[in-house]
N, C-alpha and C. Protein backbone atom coordinates (compact mmCIF):
# COMPACT_ATOMS: atom_id res chain seq x y z
N MET A 1 102.19 132.56 85.93
CA MET A 1 102.19 132.60 84.48
C MET A 1 103.61 132.41 83.98
N ASN A 2 103.77 131.67 82.93
CA ASN A 2 105.09 131.46 82.33
C ASN A 2 105.34 132.50 81.25
N SER A 3 106.60 132.80 81.03
CA SER A 3 106.94 133.81 80.02
C SER A 3 106.53 133.38 78.62
N ASP A 4 106.43 132.08 78.38
CA ASP A 4 106.01 131.62 77.05
C ASP A 4 104.51 131.81 76.82
N GLN A 5 103.78 132.26 77.83
CA GLN A 5 102.36 132.53 77.70
C GLN A 5 102.07 133.99 77.36
N ILE A 6 103.12 134.79 77.19
CA ILE A 6 102.93 136.19 76.78
C ILE A 6 102.42 136.19 75.35
N SER A 7 101.34 136.88 75.11
CA SER A 7 100.72 136.87 73.78
C SER A 7 101.43 137.82 72.82
N PRO A 8 101.29 137.58 71.53
CA PRO A 8 101.84 138.51 70.55
C PRO A 8 101.25 139.92 70.71
N ALA A 9 99.98 140.00 71.11
CA ALA A 9 99.35 141.32 71.32
C ALA A 9 100.03 142.06 72.47
N GLN A 10 100.39 141.34 73.52
CA GLN A 10 101.08 141.98 74.64
C GLN A 10 102.49 142.41 74.23
N HIS A 11 103.17 141.56 73.45
CA HIS A 11 104.50 141.92 72.97
C HIS A 11 104.47 143.11 72.00
N ALA A 12 103.36 143.30 71.33
CA ALA A 12 103.24 144.42 70.39
C ALA A 12 103.15 145.77 71.11
N ARG A 13 102.81 145.72 72.38
CA ARG A 13 102.73 146.95 73.19
C ARG A 13 104.04 147.18 73.93
N LEU A 14 104.09 148.20 74.74
CA LEU A 14 105.31 148.57 75.45
C LEU A 14 105.45 147.84 76.77
N ALA A 15 106.70 147.69 77.20
CA ALA A 15 107.00 147.21 78.55
C ALA A 15 107.35 148.44 79.38
N TYR A 16 106.67 148.61 80.49
CA TYR A 16 106.92 149.74 81.39
C TYR A 16 107.61 149.25 82.64
N ILE A 17 108.65 149.95 83.03
CA ILE A 17 109.35 149.64 84.26
C ILE A 17 109.11 150.81 85.21
N TYR A 18 108.52 150.48 86.34
CA TYR A 18 108.18 151.50 87.32
C TYR A 18 109.22 151.48 88.44
N ILE A 19 109.96 152.58 88.54
CA ILE A 19 111.04 152.70 89.52
C ILE A 19 110.62 153.70 90.58
N ARG A 20 110.76 153.27 91.83
CA ARG A 20 110.37 154.15 92.92
C ARG A 20 111.13 153.80 94.18
N GLN A 21 111.46 154.82 94.93
CA GLN A 21 111.96 154.68 96.29
C GLN A 21 111.17 155.67 97.13
N SER A 22 110.92 155.32 98.39
CA SER A 22 109.97 156.05 99.21
C SER A 22 110.42 157.42 99.69
N SER A 23 111.71 157.64 99.81
CA SER A 23 112.18 158.91 100.36
C SER A 23 113.42 159.38 99.63
N MET A 24 113.69 160.67 99.75
CA MET A 24 114.91 161.20 99.12
C MET A 24 116.15 160.63 99.80
N GLN A 25 116.06 160.29 101.07
CA GLN A 25 117.18 159.66 101.75
C GLN A 25 117.51 158.32 101.08
N GLN A 26 116.48 157.54 100.75
CA GLN A 26 116.72 156.27 100.05
C GLN A 26 117.33 156.52 98.67
N VAL A 27 116.85 157.53 97.98
CA VAL A 27 117.38 157.84 96.65
C VAL A 27 118.87 158.17 96.74
N ARG A 28 119.25 158.94 97.76
CA ARG A 28 120.65 159.35 97.90
C ARG A 28 121.56 158.25 98.46
N HIS A 29 121.04 157.46 99.39
CA HIS A 29 121.91 156.54 100.12
C HIS A 29 121.73 155.07 99.77
N HIS A 30 120.69 154.73 99.06
CA HIS A 30 120.45 153.33 98.69
C HIS A 30 120.45 153.21 97.17
N THR A 31 121.56 153.55 96.59
CA THR A 31 121.65 153.57 95.12
C THR A 31 121.58 152.17 94.51
N GLU A 32 121.94 151.14 95.27
CA GLU A 32 121.88 149.78 94.74
C GLU A 32 120.45 149.39 94.38
N SER A 33 119.49 149.82 95.19
CA SER A 33 118.09 149.52 94.90
C SER A 33 117.67 150.12 93.56
N GLN A 34 118.05 151.36 93.35
CA GLN A 34 117.69 152.00 92.08
C GLN A 34 118.39 151.31 90.91
N HIS A 35 119.62 150.92 91.12
CA HIS A 35 120.35 150.20 90.07
C HIS A 35 119.65 148.88 89.74
N ARG A 36 119.24 148.14 90.77
CA ARG A 36 118.53 146.87 90.56
C ARG A 36 117.22 147.10 89.81
N GLN A 37 116.54 148.18 90.14
CA GLN A 37 115.28 148.46 89.46
C GLN A 37 115.53 148.78 87.98
N ARG A 38 116.59 149.52 87.70
CA ARG A 38 116.90 149.85 86.31
C ARG A 38 117.33 148.62 85.51
N GLN A 39 117.82 147.61 86.19
CA GLN A 39 118.20 146.37 85.53
C GLN A 39 116.99 145.59 85.02
N LEU A 40 115.80 146.01 85.40
CA LEU A 40 114.60 145.35 84.89
C LEU A 40 114.45 145.51 83.38
N VAL A 41 115.19 146.44 82.80
CA VAL A 41 115.21 146.56 81.34
C VAL A 41 115.69 145.23 80.75
N ARG A 42 116.69 144.64 81.37
CA ARG A 42 117.20 143.34 80.90
C ARG A 42 116.12 142.26 81.02
N ARG A 43 115.37 142.32 82.10
CA ARG A 43 114.28 141.33 82.27
C ARG A 43 113.24 141.49 81.17
N ALA A 44 112.87 142.73 80.87
CA ALA A 44 111.90 142.98 79.80
C ALA A 44 112.41 142.42 78.48
N MET A 45 113.69 142.63 78.22
CA MET A 45 114.27 142.12 76.98
C MET A 45 114.29 140.59 76.97
N ALA A 46 114.58 139.99 78.11
CA ALA A 46 114.58 138.52 78.20
C ALA A 46 113.17 137.97 77.99
N LEU A 47 112.17 138.76 78.33
CA LEU A 47 110.78 138.34 78.13
C LEU A 47 110.29 138.58 76.69
N GLY A 48 111.15 139.19 75.87
CA GLY A 48 110.81 139.34 74.46
C GLY A 48 110.55 140.76 73.97
N TRP A 49 110.70 141.75 74.84
CA TRP A 49 110.51 143.14 74.39
C TRP A 49 111.84 143.71 73.93
N PRO A 50 111.88 144.29 72.73
CA PRO A 50 113.11 144.96 72.30
C PRO A 50 113.35 146.20 73.17
N GLU A 51 114.60 146.55 73.35
CA GLU A 51 114.94 147.69 74.21
C GLU A 51 114.21 148.97 73.81
N ALA A 52 113.97 149.14 72.53
CA ALA A 52 113.27 150.34 72.05
C ALA A 52 111.81 150.39 72.51
N GLN A 53 111.28 149.26 72.96
CA GLN A 53 109.89 149.20 73.43
C GLN A 53 109.80 149.16 74.95
N VAL A 54 110.88 149.50 75.62
CA VAL A 54 110.90 149.52 77.09
C VAL A 54 110.92 150.97 77.55
N VAL A 55 109.97 151.33 78.39
CA VAL A 55 109.84 152.68 78.92
C VAL A 55 110.07 152.64 80.42
N ILE A 56 110.93 153.52 80.91
CA ILE A 56 111.20 153.61 82.34
C ILE A 56 110.47 154.83 82.90
N ILE A 57 109.71 154.59 83.94
CA ILE A 57 109.08 155.70 84.67
C ILE A 57 109.82 155.80 86.00
N ASP A 58 110.56 156.89 86.19
CA ASP A 58 111.31 157.07 87.43
C ASP A 58 111.05 158.43 88.08
N GLU A 59 110.00 159.10 87.65
CA GLU A 59 109.75 160.44 88.19
C GLU A 59 109.17 160.43 89.60
N ASP A 60 108.85 159.25 90.14
CA ASP A 60 108.32 159.18 91.50
C ASP A 60 109.39 158.83 92.53
N LEU A 61 110.65 158.91 92.14
CA LEU A 61 111.73 158.64 93.09
C LEU A 61 111.64 159.62 94.25
N GLY A 62 111.71 159.10 95.46
CA GLY A 62 111.65 159.93 96.65
C GLY A 62 110.23 160.21 97.12
N GLN A 63 109.25 159.51 96.54
CA GLN A 63 107.86 159.73 96.94
C GLN A 63 107.25 158.42 97.41
N SER A 64 106.53 158.51 98.50
CA SER A 64 105.90 157.32 99.08
C SER A 64 104.81 156.77 98.17
N ALA A 65 104.67 155.47 98.17
CA ALA A 65 103.61 154.82 97.39
C ALA A 65 102.33 154.69 98.19
N ALA A 66 102.30 155.27 99.39
CA ALA A 66 101.10 155.19 100.22
C ALA A 66 99.98 156.05 99.67
N CYS A 67 100.30 157.04 98.86
CA CYS A 67 99.26 157.86 98.24
C CYS A 67 99.65 158.11 96.79
N THR A 68 98.66 158.30 95.95
CA THR A 68 98.95 158.46 94.53
C THR A 68 98.90 159.91 94.08
N GLY A 69 98.27 160.77 94.84
CA GLY A 69 98.06 162.14 94.41
C GLY A 69 99.34 162.88 94.07
N GLN A 70 100.44 162.51 94.72
CA GLN A 70 101.71 163.19 94.51
C GLN A 70 102.60 162.47 93.51
N ARG A 71 102.13 161.38 92.96
CA ARG A 71 102.99 160.55 92.10
C ARG A 71 102.56 160.66 90.65
N SER A 72 103.14 161.61 89.96
CA SER A 72 102.79 161.82 88.55
C SER A 72 103.17 160.61 87.69
N GLY A 73 104.24 159.92 88.06
CA GLY A 73 104.64 158.73 87.30
C GLY A 73 103.61 157.62 87.39
N PHE A 74 103.07 157.41 88.57
CA PHE A 74 102.03 156.40 88.76
C PHE A 74 100.79 156.78 87.97
N GLU A 75 100.42 158.04 88.02
CA GLU A 75 99.24 158.50 87.26
C GLU A 75 99.47 158.33 85.76
N ARG A 76 100.68 158.60 85.30
CA ARG A 76 101.00 158.40 83.89
C ARG A 76 100.93 156.92 83.52
N LEU A 77 101.42 156.06 84.41
CA LEU A 77 101.37 154.61 84.19
C LEU A 77 99.92 154.15 84.06
N ILE A 78 99.06 154.59 84.96
CA ILE A 78 97.63 154.24 84.90
C ILE A 78 97.04 154.67 83.55
N ALA A 79 97.36 155.89 83.14
CA ALA A 79 96.81 156.41 81.88
C ALA A 79 97.29 155.59 80.68
N GLU A 80 98.55 155.22 80.66
CA GLU A 80 99.09 154.44 79.56
C GLU A 80 98.47 153.04 79.50
N VAL A 81 98.27 152.44 80.67
CA VAL A 81 97.61 151.13 80.72
C VAL A 81 96.18 151.27 80.22
N ALA A 82 95.49 152.31 80.67
CA ALA A 82 94.07 152.49 80.34
C ALA A 82 93.83 152.64 78.84
N VAL A 83 94.77 153.24 78.13
CA VAL A 83 94.59 153.41 76.68
C VAL A 83 95.19 152.25 75.88
N GLY A 84 95.66 151.21 76.58
CA GLY A 84 96.11 150.00 75.89
C GLY A 84 97.50 150.05 75.31
N ARG A 85 98.37 150.89 75.82
CA ARG A 85 99.74 150.98 75.30
C ARG A 85 100.73 150.06 75.99
N VAL A 86 100.31 149.43 77.10
CA VAL A 86 101.24 148.68 77.94
C VAL A 86 100.95 147.18 77.85
N GLY A 87 101.99 146.41 77.58
CA GLY A 87 101.87 144.95 77.57
C GLY A 87 102.25 144.34 78.89
N VAL A 88 103.22 144.96 79.59
CA VAL A 88 103.66 144.47 80.90
C VAL A 88 104.19 145.64 81.72
N ILE A 89 103.94 145.57 83.02
CA ILE A 89 104.53 146.49 83.98
C ILE A 89 105.49 145.67 84.82
N LEU A 90 106.74 146.12 84.92
CA LEU A 90 107.73 145.42 85.73
C LEU A 90 108.17 146.30 86.90
N SER A 91 108.32 145.68 88.04
CA SER A 91 108.80 146.33 89.25
C SER A 91 109.51 145.27 90.07
N LEU A 92 110.45 145.68 90.92
CA LEU A 92 111.14 144.68 91.74
C LEU A 92 110.15 143.89 92.59
N GLU A 93 109.20 144.57 93.19
CA GLU A 93 108.13 143.93 93.95
C GLU A 93 106.83 144.54 93.48
N ALA A 94 106.00 143.76 92.84
CA ALA A 94 104.77 144.29 92.24
C ALA A 94 103.93 145.06 93.23
N SER A 95 103.79 144.55 94.43
CA SER A 95 102.90 145.20 95.39
C SER A 95 103.43 146.55 95.88
N ARG A 96 104.69 146.84 95.65
CA ARG A 96 105.23 148.13 96.07
C ARG A 96 104.94 149.24 95.07
N ILE A 97 104.33 148.89 93.96
CA ILE A 97 103.91 149.93 93.01
C ILE A 97 102.97 150.89 93.71
N SER A 98 102.12 150.34 94.58
CA SER A 98 101.24 151.17 95.39
C SER A 98 101.06 150.51 96.74
N ARG A 99 101.13 151.30 97.80
CA ARG A 99 100.92 150.79 99.15
C ARG A 99 99.47 150.98 99.59
N ALA A 100 98.68 151.66 98.78
CA ALA A 100 97.28 151.90 99.11
C ALA A 100 96.41 150.96 98.28
N ASN A 101 95.60 150.17 98.95
CA ASN A 101 94.80 149.18 98.24
C ASN A 101 93.88 149.81 97.20
N ARG A 102 93.36 150.99 97.46
CA ARG A 102 92.46 151.62 96.50
C ARG A 102 93.16 151.81 95.15
N SER A 103 94.35 152.36 95.15
CA SER A 103 95.06 152.58 93.88
C SER A 103 95.60 151.27 93.32
N TRP A 104 95.99 150.32 94.19
CA TRP A 104 96.49 149.02 93.73
C TRP A 104 95.41 148.27 92.97
N TYR A 105 94.21 148.19 93.57
CA TYR A 105 93.12 147.46 92.92
C TYR A 105 92.62 148.20 91.68
N HIS A 106 92.72 149.51 91.69
CA HIS A 106 92.36 150.28 90.49
C HIS A 106 93.29 149.88 89.34
N LEU A 107 94.58 149.81 89.63
CA LEU A 107 95.56 149.39 88.61
C LEU A 107 95.26 147.96 88.15
N LEU A 108 95.00 147.05 89.09
CA LEU A 108 94.70 145.67 88.71
C LEU A 108 93.47 145.58 87.81
N ASP A 109 92.45 146.36 88.14
CA ASP A 109 91.23 146.36 87.32
C ASP A 109 91.51 146.83 85.91
N ILE A 110 92.27 147.91 85.77
CA ILE A 110 92.58 148.42 84.44
C ILE A 110 93.46 147.44 83.67
N CYS A 111 94.41 146.83 84.36
CA CYS A 111 95.26 145.82 83.72
C CYS A 111 94.43 144.64 83.23
N ALA A 112 93.45 144.23 84.00
CA ALA A 112 92.59 143.11 83.60
C ALA A 112 91.79 143.48 82.35
N VAL A 113 91.27 144.68 82.31
CA VAL A 113 90.46 145.10 81.16
C VAL A 113 91.31 145.20 79.89
N THR A 114 92.55 145.68 80.03
CA THR A 114 93.41 145.90 78.86
C THR A 114 94.36 144.73 78.59
N ASN A 115 94.25 143.65 79.39
CA ASN A 115 95.10 142.48 79.21
C ASN A 115 96.58 142.84 79.35
N THR A 116 96.89 143.58 80.42
CA THR A 116 98.25 144.00 80.73
C THR A 116 98.80 143.14 81.86
N LEU A 117 99.99 142.62 81.67
CA LEU A 117 100.63 141.77 82.68
C LEU A 117 101.36 142.62 83.71
N ILE A 118 101.61 142.03 84.87
CA ILE A 118 102.40 142.66 85.91
C ILE A 118 103.48 141.67 86.29
N GLY A 119 104.72 142.15 86.38
CA GLY A 119 105.82 141.26 86.73
C GLY A 119 106.68 141.85 87.82
N ASP A 120 107.24 140.98 88.64
CA ASP A 120 108.19 141.41 89.65
C ASP A 120 109.35 140.42 89.67
N GLY A 121 110.15 140.47 90.70
CA GLY A 121 111.31 139.58 90.78
C GLY A 121 110.96 138.12 90.92
N GLU A 122 109.72 137.84 91.31
CA GLU A 122 109.30 136.46 91.53
C GLU A 122 108.64 135.83 90.31
N ALA A 123 107.78 136.58 89.65
CA ALA A 123 106.96 135.97 88.61
C ALA A 123 106.31 137.01 87.71
N LEU A 124 105.62 136.48 86.70
CA LEU A 124 104.71 137.28 85.87
C LEU A 124 103.29 136.94 86.31
N TYR A 125 102.46 137.96 86.35
CA TYR A 125 101.08 137.75 86.77
C TYR A 125 100.13 138.30 85.72
N ASP A 126 99.06 137.58 85.50
CA ASP A 126 98.01 138.02 84.59
C ASP A 126 96.78 138.38 85.43
N PRO A 127 96.47 139.66 85.58
CA PRO A 127 95.32 140.06 86.39
C PRO A 127 93.99 139.51 85.90
N CYS A 128 93.95 138.95 84.69
CA CYS A 128 92.73 138.30 84.18
C CYS A 128 92.57 136.89 84.73
N ALA A 129 93.66 136.28 85.16
CA ALA A 129 93.65 134.91 85.65
C ALA A 129 93.34 134.90 87.15
N TYR A 130 92.38 134.09 87.54
CA TYR A 130 91.89 134.07 88.91
C TYR A 130 93.03 133.91 89.93
N ASN A 131 93.88 132.90 89.77
CA ASN A 131 94.94 132.66 90.74
C ASN A 131 95.94 133.80 90.80
N ASP A 132 96.30 134.34 89.64
CA ASP A 132 97.23 135.47 89.62
C ASP A 132 96.61 136.70 90.28
N ARG A 133 95.34 136.93 90.00
CA ARG A 133 94.64 138.07 90.61
C ARG A 133 94.58 137.91 92.12
N LEU A 134 94.35 136.69 92.58
CA LEU A 134 94.33 136.42 94.00
C LEU A 134 95.69 136.70 94.64
N LEU A 135 96.76 136.22 94.01
CA LEU A 135 98.11 136.47 94.53
C LEU A 135 98.42 137.96 94.55
N LEU A 136 98.08 138.67 93.46
CA LEU A 136 98.33 140.11 93.42
C LEU A 136 97.54 140.83 94.51
N GLY A 137 96.32 140.40 94.73
CA GLY A 137 95.50 141.00 95.78
C GLY A 137 96.11 140.79 97.15
N LEU A 138 96.59 139.57 97.41
CA LEU A 138 97.24 139.29 98.69
C LEU A 138 98.52 140.10 98.85
N LYS A 139 99.29 140.22 97.79
CA LYS A 139 100.51 141.02 97.85
C LYS A 139 100.18 142.47 98.20
N GLY A 140 99.14 143.01 97.57
CA GLY A 140 98.74 144.39 97.84
C GLY A 140 98.25 144.57 99.27
N THR A 141 97.44 143.64 99.74
CA THR A 141 96.92 143.72 101.11
C THR A 141 98.06 143.64 102.12
N MET A 142 98.99 142.72 101.90
CA MET A 142 100.13 142.59 102.81
C MET A 142 101.01 143.84 102.77
N SER A 143 101.18 144.42 101.60
CA SER A 143 101.99 145.63 101.48
C SER A 143 101.35 146.79 102.22
N GLU A 144 100.03 146.94 102.07
CA GLU A 144 99.35 148.02 102.79
C GLU A 144 99.41 147.78 104.29
N ALA A 145 99.22 146.54 104.72
CA ALA A 145 99.28 146.23 106.15
C ALA A 145 100.67 146.51 106.70
N ASP A 146 101.70 146.15 105.95
CA ASP A 146 103.07 146.41 106.37
C ASP A 146 103.30 147.91 106.51
N TRP A 147 102.80 148.67 105.55
CA TRP A 147 102.99 150.12 105.58
C TRP A 147 102.28 150.74 106.77
N ASN A 148 101.12 150.20 107.16
CA ASN A 148 100.33 150.76 108.24
C ASN A 148 100.72 150.28 109.62
N ARG A 149 101.76 149.47 109.72
CA ARG A 149 102.25 149.04 111.04
C ARG A 149 102.64 150.26 111.84
N PRO A 150 102.44 150.24 113.14
CA PRO A 150 102.78 151.39 113.99
C PRO A 150 104.24 151.85 113.84
N SER A 151 105.17 150.94 113.58
CA SER A 151 106.59 151.34 113.44
C SER A 151 106.85 152.15 112.18
N ASN A 152 105.95 152.11 111.20
CA ASN A 152 106.14 152.86 109.96
C ASN A 152 105.50 154.24 110.02
N ASN A 153 104.73 154.53 111.01
CA ASN A 153 104.03 155.82 111.09
C ASN A 153 104.83 156.85 111.83
């Protein structure tokens, strides 16, 4: 999807930036990653959202994306999307929002119903569009498979 295809209705809603690192060690020692994630505010603004309409969710720092039960930020993101407040979700890598396919596809389903876009460092995706949904699904499946490799357990 091209940035010029963002609808006025999507721009009228908020841009959410989801920031996460998997462990407290990463939070303490890999500060560049967190800095890069916070720079997504600039991307949201370049896509047409005023800074006042950009919300950062960073309360899941130091928590794995393999499960959602412990991630209050992810649960808040789902709730905001479900009530139609979100025009776009930005993350450095969209599939890292969740490493569990169940929660990933749940998010994609809600985004499709509410016409919410998902963006990462590569592109913008519209979960309503067949090709974008396919790519997002593959990204999620590959992310879960990567997480479940024996070296990660």
